[in-house]
Amino acid sequence: REALDAFQLLCETEGIIPALESSHAVAGAIKMASEMSAEEHLLINVSGRGDKDVEEVKRLLNKK
């Protein structure tokens, strides 16, 4: 569920459609960032094409 939430958040806030694999990294980054100071930096790699996952994400989000 965290990866789906991260997928949706990145789409809505940045206009970036991440691959589901990258969405796991985004979810992890959100967790890590909440525990970091303002002086610390966090870098993630968003690779892949999320456009191929849109229908699957839509299906999974409609299940809830």
PDB file of N, CA and C in Angstrom:
ATOM      1  N   ARG A   1       0.819  -1.206   0.000  1.00  0.00           N
ATOM      2  CA  ARG A   1       0.000   0.000   0.000  1.00  0.00           C
ATOM      3  C   ARG A   1       0.862   1.270   0.000  1.00  0.00           C
ATOM      4  N   GLU A   2       2.001   1.232   0.695  1.00  0.00           N
ATOM      5  CA  GLU A   2       2.875   2.412   0.751  1.00  0.00           C
ATOM      6  C   GLU A   2       3.368   2.805  -0.639  1.00  0.00           C
ATOM      7  N   ALA A   3       3.709   1.819  -1.452  1.00  0.00           N
ATOM      8  CA  ALA A   3       4.197   2.107  -2.806  1.00  0.00           C
ATOM      9  C   ALA A   3       3.098   2.740  -3.654  1.00  0.00           C
ATOM     10  N   LEU A   4       1.874   2.276  -3.496  1.00  0.00           N
ATOM     11  CA  LEU A   4       0.753   2.860  -4.238  1.00  0.00           C
ATOM     12  C   LEU A   4       0.507   4.301  -3.808  1.00  0.00           C
ATOM     13  N   ASP A   5       0.590   4.540  -2.500  1.00  0.00           N
ATOM     14  CA  ASP A   5       0.422   5.910  -1.997  1.00  0.00           C
ATOM     15  C   ASP A   5       1.524   6.817  -2.533  1.00  0.00           C
ATOM     16  N   ALA A   6       2.751   6.306  -2.556  1.00  0.00           N
ATOM     17  CA  ALA A   6       3.882   7.087  -3.069  1.00  0.00           C
ATOM     18  C   ALA A   6       3.723   7.348  -4.567  1.00  0.00           C
ATOM     19  N   PHE A   7       3.260   6.356  -5.311  1.00  0.00           N
ATOM     20  CA  PHE A   7       2.988   6.506  -6.743  1.00  0.00           C
ATOM     21  C   PHE A   7       2.007   7.650  -6.953  1.00  0.00           C
ATOM     22  N   GLN A   8       0.917   7.609  -6.211  1.00  0.00           N
ATOM     23  CA  GLN A   8      -0.134   8.621  -6.342  1.00  0.00           C
ATOM     24  C   GLN A   8       0.376  10.005  -5.934  1.00  0.00           C
ATOM     25  N   LEU A   9       1.127  10.075  -4.850  1.00  0.00           N
ATOM     26  CA  LEU A   9       1.652  11.349  -4.364  1.00  0.00           C
ATOM     27  C   LEU A   9       2.591  11.989  -5.390  1.00  0.00           C
ATOM     28  N   LEU A  10       3.500  11.207  -5.948  1.00  0.00           N
ATOM     29  CA  LEU A  10       4.445  11.753  -6.923  1.00  0.00           C
ATOM     30  C   LEU A  10       3.726  12.212  -8.188  1.00  0.00           C
ATOM     31  N   CYS A  11       2.729  11.458  -8.603  1.00  0.00           N
ATOM     32  CA  CYS A  11       1.932  11.866  -9.776  1.00  0.00           C
ATOM     33  C   CYS A  11       1.224  13.189  -9.519  1.00  0.00           C
ATOM     34  N   GLU A  12       0.597  13.297  -8.363  1.00  0.00           N
ATOM     35  CA  GLU A  12      -0.210  14.479  -8.057  1.00  0.00           C
ATOM     36  C   GLU A  12       0.623  15.717  -7.761  1.00  0.00           C
ATOM     37  N   THR A  13       1.757  15.555  -7.087  1.00  0.00           N
ATOM     38  CA  THR A  13       2.526  16.727  -6.657  1.00  0.00           C
ATOM     39  C   THR A  13       3.598  17.160  -7.649  1.00  0.00           C
ATOM     40  N   GLU A  14       4.152  16.202  -8.408  1.00  0.00           N
ATOM     41  CA  GLU A  14       5.269  16.522  -9.302  1.00  0.00           C
ATOM     42  C   GLU A  14       4.973  16.253 -10.769  1.00  0.00           C
ATOM     43  N   GLY A  15       3.881  15.558 -11.048  1.00  0.00           N
ATOM     44  CA  GLY A  15       3.575  15.211 -12.431  1.00  0.00           C
ATOM     45  C   GLY A  15       4.481  14.125 -12.985  1.00  0.00           C
ATOM     46  N   ILE A  16       5.118  13.379 -12.097  1.00  0.00           N
ATOM     47  CA  ILE A  16       6.013  12.289 -12.490  1.00  0.00           C
ATOM     48  C   ILE A  16       5.283  10.973 -12.261  1.00  0.00           C
ATOM     49  N   ILE A  17       5.266  10.119 -13.280  1.00  0.00           N
ATOM     50  CA  ILE A  17       4.637   8.808 -13.154  1.00  0.00           C
ATOM     51  C   ILE A  17       5.757   7.786 -12.950  1.00  0.00           C
ATOM     52  N   PRO A  18       6.018   7.389 -11.705  1.00  0.00           N
ATOM     53  CA  PRO A  18       7.111   6.456 -11.456  1.00  0.00           C
ATOM     54  C   PRO A  18       6.702   5.018 -11.751  1.00  0.00           C
ATOM     55  N   ALA A  19       7.665   4.182 -12.089  1.00  0.00           N
ATOM     56  CA  ALA A  19       7.407   2.750 -12.177  1.00  0.00           C
ATOM     57  C   ALA A  19       7.075   2.264 -10.765  1.00  0.00           C
ATOM     58  N   LEU A  20       6.330   1.179 -10.675  1.00  0.00           N
ATOM     59  CA  LEU A  20       5.983   0.667  -9.343  1.00  0.00           C
ATOM     60  C   LEU A  20       7.227   0.330  -8.529  1.00  0.00           C
ATOM     61  N   GLU A  21       8.265  -0.167  -9.193  1.00  0.00           N
ATOM     62  CA  GLU A  21       9.507  -0.476  -8.481  1.00  0.00           C
ATOM     63  C   GLU A  21      10.084   0.786  -7.845  1.00  0.00           C
ATOM     64  N   SER A  22      10.081   1.874  -8.579  1.00  0.00           N
ATOM     65  CA  SER A  22      10.590   3.141  -8.045  1.00  0.00           C
ATOM     66  C   SER A  22       9.685   3.703  -6.960  1.00  0.00           C
ATOM     67  N   SER A  23       8.422   3.374  -7.015  1.00  0.00           N
ATOM     68  CA  SER A  23       7.482   3.852  -5.997  1.00  0.00           C
ATOM     69  C   SER A  23       7.849   3.336  -4.614  1.00  0.00           C
ATOM     70  N   HIS A  24       8.463   2.158  -4.565  1.00  0.00           N
ATOM     71  CA  HIS A  24       8.935   1.632  -3.279  1.00  0.00           C
ATOM     72  C   HIS A  24      10.051   2.524  -2.732  1.00  0.00           C
ATOM     73  N   ALA A  25      10.930   2.995  -3.608  1.00  0.00           N
ATOM     74  CA  ALA A  25      12.002   3.903  -3.187  1.00  0.00           C
ATOM     75  C   ALA A  25      11.430   5.228  -2.708  1.00  0.00           C
ATOM     76  N   VAL A  26      10.415   5.727  -3.389  1.00  0.00           N
ATOM     77  CA  VAL A  26       9.763   6.977  -2.979  1.00  0.00           C
ATOM     78  C   VAL A  26       9.136   6.802  -1.598  1.00  0.00           C
ATOM     79  N   ALA A  27       8.467   5.679  -1.381  1.00  0.00           N
ATOM     80  CA  ALA A  27       7.852   5.416  -0.073  1.00  0.00           C
ATOM     81  C   ALA A  27       8.916   5.367   1.027  1.00  0.00           C
ATOM     82  N   GLY A  28      10.031   4.709   0.739  1.00  0.00           N
ATOM     83  CA  GLY A  28      11.125   4.654   1.709  1.00  0.00           C
ATOM     84  C   GLY A  28      11.719   6.024   1.974  1.00  0.00           C
ATOM     85  N   ALA A  29      11.833   6.830   0.939  1.00  0.00           N
ATOM     86  CA  ALA A  29      12.375   8.182   1.089  1.00  0.00           C
ATOM     87  C   ALA A  29      11.461   9.049   1.947  1.00  0.00           C
ATOM     88  N   ILE A  30      10.166   8.883   1.785  1.00  0.00           N
ATOM     89  CA  ILE A  30       9.213   9.648   2.600  1.00  0.00           C
ATOM     90  C   ILE A  30       9.405   9.309   4.075  1.00  0.00           C
ATOM     91  N   LYS A  31       9.564   8.023   4.362  1.00  0.00           N
ATOM     92  CA  LYS A  31       9.802   7.599   5.754  1.00  0.00           C
ATOM     93  C   LYS A  31      11.111   8.179   6.286  1.00  0.00           C
ATOM     94  N   MET A  32      12.176   8.030   5.489  1.00  0.00           N
ATOM     95  CA  MET A  32      13.484   8.517   5.927  1.00  0.00           C
ATOM     96  C   MET A  32      13.484  10.027   6.125  1.00  0.00           C
ATOM     97  N   ALA A  33      12.854  10.760   5.217  1.00  0.00           N
ATOM     98  CA  ALA A  33      12.849  12.220   5.284  1.00  0.00           C
ATOM     99  C   ALA A  33      12.177  12.718   6.554  1.00  0.00           C
ATOM    100  N   SER A  34      11.186  11.988   7.019  1.00  0.00           N
ATOM    101  CA  SER A  34      10.483  12.421   8.233  1.00  0.00           C
ATOM    102  C   SER A  34      11.372  12.327   9.471  1.00  0.00           C
ATOM    103  N   GLU A  35      12.465  11.574   9.370  1.00  0.00           N
ATOM    104  CA  GLU A  35      13.384  11.398  10.497  1.00  0.00           C
ATOM    105  C   GLU A  35      14.676  12.188  10.326  1.00  0.00           C
ATOM    106  N   MET A  36      14.781  12.967   9.260  1.00  0.00           N
ATOM    107  CA  MET A  36      16.010  13.700   8.962  1.00  0.00           C
ATOM    108  C   MET A  36      15.901  15.161   9.384  1.00  0.00           C
ATOM    109  N   SER A  37      17.051  15.758   9.602  1.00  0.00           N
ATOM    110  CA  SER A  37      17.075  17.190   9.899  1.00  0.00           C
ATOM    111  C   SER A  37      16.989  17.972   8.595  1.00  0.00           C
ATOM    112  N   ALA A  38      16.704  19.245   8.711  1.00  0.00           N
ATOM    113  CA  ALA A  38      16.587  20.110   7.528  1.00  0.00           C
ATOM    114  C   ALA A  38      17.927  20.261   6.805  1.00  0.00           C
ATOM    115  N   GLU A  39      19.035  20.018   7.489  1.00  0.00           N
ATOM    116  CA  GLU A  39      20.355  20.150   6.882  1.00  0.00           C
ATOM    117  C   GLU A  39      20.759  18.918   6.078  1.00  0.00           C
ATOM    118  N   GLU A  40      20.096  17.804   6.286  1.00  0.00           N
ATOM    119  CA  GLU A  40      20.449  16.570   5.594  1.00  0.00           C
ATOM    120  C   GLU A  40      19.782  16.511   4.221  1.00  0.00           C
ATOM    121  N   HIS A  41      20.413  15.769   3.326  1.00  0.00           N
ATOM    122  CA  HIS A  41      19.900  15.605   1.965  1.00  0.00           C
ATOM    123  C   HIS A  41      19.574  14.135   1.718  1.00  0.00           C
ATOM    124  N   LEU A  42      18.625  13.914   0.845  1.00  0.00           N
ATOM    125  CA  LEU A  42      18.216  12.560   0.483  1.00  0.00           C
ATOM    126  C   LEU A  42      18.063  12.500  -1.029  1.00  0.00           C
ATOM    127  N   LEU A  43      18.638  11.495  -1.632  1.00  0.00           N
ATOM    128  CA  LEU A  43      18.589  11.348  -3.082  1.00  0.00           C
ATOM    129  C   LEU A  43      18.080   9.953  -3.422  1.00  0.00           C
ATOM    130  N   ILE A  44      17.108   9.883  -4.323  1.00  0.00           N
ATOM    131  CA  ILE A  44      16.642   8.588  -4.813  1.00  0.00           C
ATOM    132  C   ILE A  44      16.682   8.598  -6.336  1.00  0.00           C
ATOM    133  N   ASN A  45      16.739   7.424  -6.911  1.00  0.00           N
ATOM    134  CA  ASN A  45      16.726   7.276  -8.364  1.00  0.00           C
ATOM    135  C   ASN A  45      15.352   6.752  -8.769  1.00  0.00           C
ATOM    136  N   VAL A  46      14.648   7.518  -9.570  1.00  0.00           N
ATOM    137  CA  VAL A  46      13.346   7.095 -10.080  1.00  0.00           C
ATOM    138  C   VAL A  46      13.570   6.641 -11.519  1.00  0.00           C
ATOM    139  N   SER A  47      13.679   5.341 -11.692  1.00  0.00           N
ATOM    140  CA  SER A  47      13.942   4.790 -13.021  1.00  0.00           C
ATOM    141  C   SER A  47      12.698   4.077 -13.543  1.00  0.00           C
ATOM    142  N   GLY A  48      12.748   3.699 -14.766  1.00  0.00           N
ATOM    143  CA  GLY A  48      11.634   2.962 -15.352  1.00  0.00           C
ATOM    144  C   GLY A  48      10.535   3.883 -15.843  1.00  0.00           C
ATOM    145  N   ARG A  49       9.530   3.269 -16.414  1.00  0.00           N
ATOM    146  CA  ARG A  49       8.399   4.011 -16.981  1.00  0.00           C
ATOM    147  C   ARG A  49       7.133   3.624 -16.242  1.00  0.00           C
ATOM    148  N   GLY A  50       6.534   4.573 -15.576  1.00  0.00           N
ATOM    149  CA  GLY A  50       5.320   4.307 -14.830  1.00  0.00           C
ATOM    150  C   GLY A  50       4.072   4.253 -15.676  1.00  0.00           C
ATOM    151  N   ASP A  51       4.159   4.749 -16.907  1.00  0.00           N
ATOM    152  CA  ASP A  51       2.961   4.738 -17.748  1.00  0.00           C
ATOM    153  C   ASP A  51       2.468   3.317 -18.004  1.00  0.00           C
ATOM    154  N   LYS A  52       3.371   2.342 -17.971  1.00  0.00           N
ATOM    155  CA  LYS A  52       2.969   0.955 -18.183  1.00  0.00           C
ATOM    156  C   LYS A  52       2.263   0.378 -16.955  1.00  0.00           C
ATOM    157  N   ASP A  53       2.370   1.043 -15.813  1.00  0.00           N
ATOM    158  CA  ASP A  53       1.774   0.560 -14.567  1.00  0.00           C
ATOM    159  C   ASP A  53       0.464   1.254 -14.212  1.00  0.00           C
ATOM    160  N   VAL A  54       0.068   2.249 -14.960  1.00  0.00           N
ATOM    161  CA  VAL A  54      -1.097   3.064 -14.602  1.00  0.00           C
ATOM    162  C   VAL A  54      -2.361   2.219 -14.452  1.00  0.00           C
ATOM    163  N   GLU A  55      -2.617   1.326 -15.380  1.00  0.00           N
ATOM    164  CA  GLU A  55      -3.833   0.504 -15.303  1.00  0.00           C
ATOM    165  C   GLU A  55      -3.807  -0.421 -14.091  1.00  0.00           C
ATOM    166  N   GLU A  56      -2.640  -0.984 -13.780  1.00  0.00           N
ATOM    167  CA  GLU A  56      -2.521  -1.857 -12.605  1.00  0.00           C
ATOM    168  C   GLU A  56      -2.734  -1.061 -11.325  1.00  0.00           C
ATOM    169  N   VAL A  57      -2.161   0.115 -11.240  1.00  0.00           N
ATOM    170  CA  VAL A  57      -2.352   0.964 -10.057  1.00  0.00           C
ATOM    171  C   VAL A  57      -3.824   1.341  -9.921  1.00  0.00           C
ATOM    172  N   LYS A  58      -4.436   1.688 -11.009  1.00  0.00           N
ATOM    173  CA  LYS A  58      -5.862   2.030 -10.996  1.00  0.00           C
ATOM    174  C   LYS A  58      -6.688   0.858 -10.467  1.00  0.00           C
ATOM    175  N   ARG A  59      -6.374  -0.345 -10.943  1.00  0.00           N
ATOM    176  CA  ARG A  59      -7.092  -1.540 -10.495  1.00  0.00           C
ATOM    177  C   ARG A  59      -6.890  -1.764  -8.997  1.00  0.00           C
ATOM    178  N   LEU A  60      -5.656  -1.636  -8.539  1.00  0.00           N
ATOM    179  CA  LEU A  60      -5.354  -1.859  -7.126  1.00  0.00           C
ATOM    180  C   LEU A  60      -5.990  -0.800  -6.231  1.00  0.00           C
ATOM    181  N   LEU A  61      -5.992   0.447  -6.661  1.00  0.00           N
ATOM    182  CA  LEU A  61      -6.598   1.513  -5.861  1.00  0.00           C
ATOM    183  C   LEU A  61      -8.112   1.375  -5.791  1.00  0.00           C
ATOM    184  N   ASN A  62      -8.723   0.824  -6.818  1.00  0.00           N
ATOM    185  CA  ASN A  62     -10.173   0.628  -6.809  1.00  0.00           C
ATOM    186  C   ASN A  62     -10.599  -0.529  -5.919  1.00  0.00           C
ATOM    187  N   LYS A  63      -9.653  -1.382  -5.519  1.00  0.00           N
ATOM    188  CA  LYS A  63      -9.953  -2.506  -4.625  1.00  0.00           C
ATOM    189  C   LYS A  63     -10.209  -2.059  -3.195  1.00  0.00           C
ATOM    190  N   LYS A  64      -9.624  -0.941  -2.799  1.00  0.00           N
ATOM    191  CA  LYS A  64      -9.715  -0.528  -1.389  1.00  0.00           C
ATOM    192  C   LYS A  64     -11.062  -0.002  -1.007  1.00  0.00           C
TER     193      LYS A  64
END
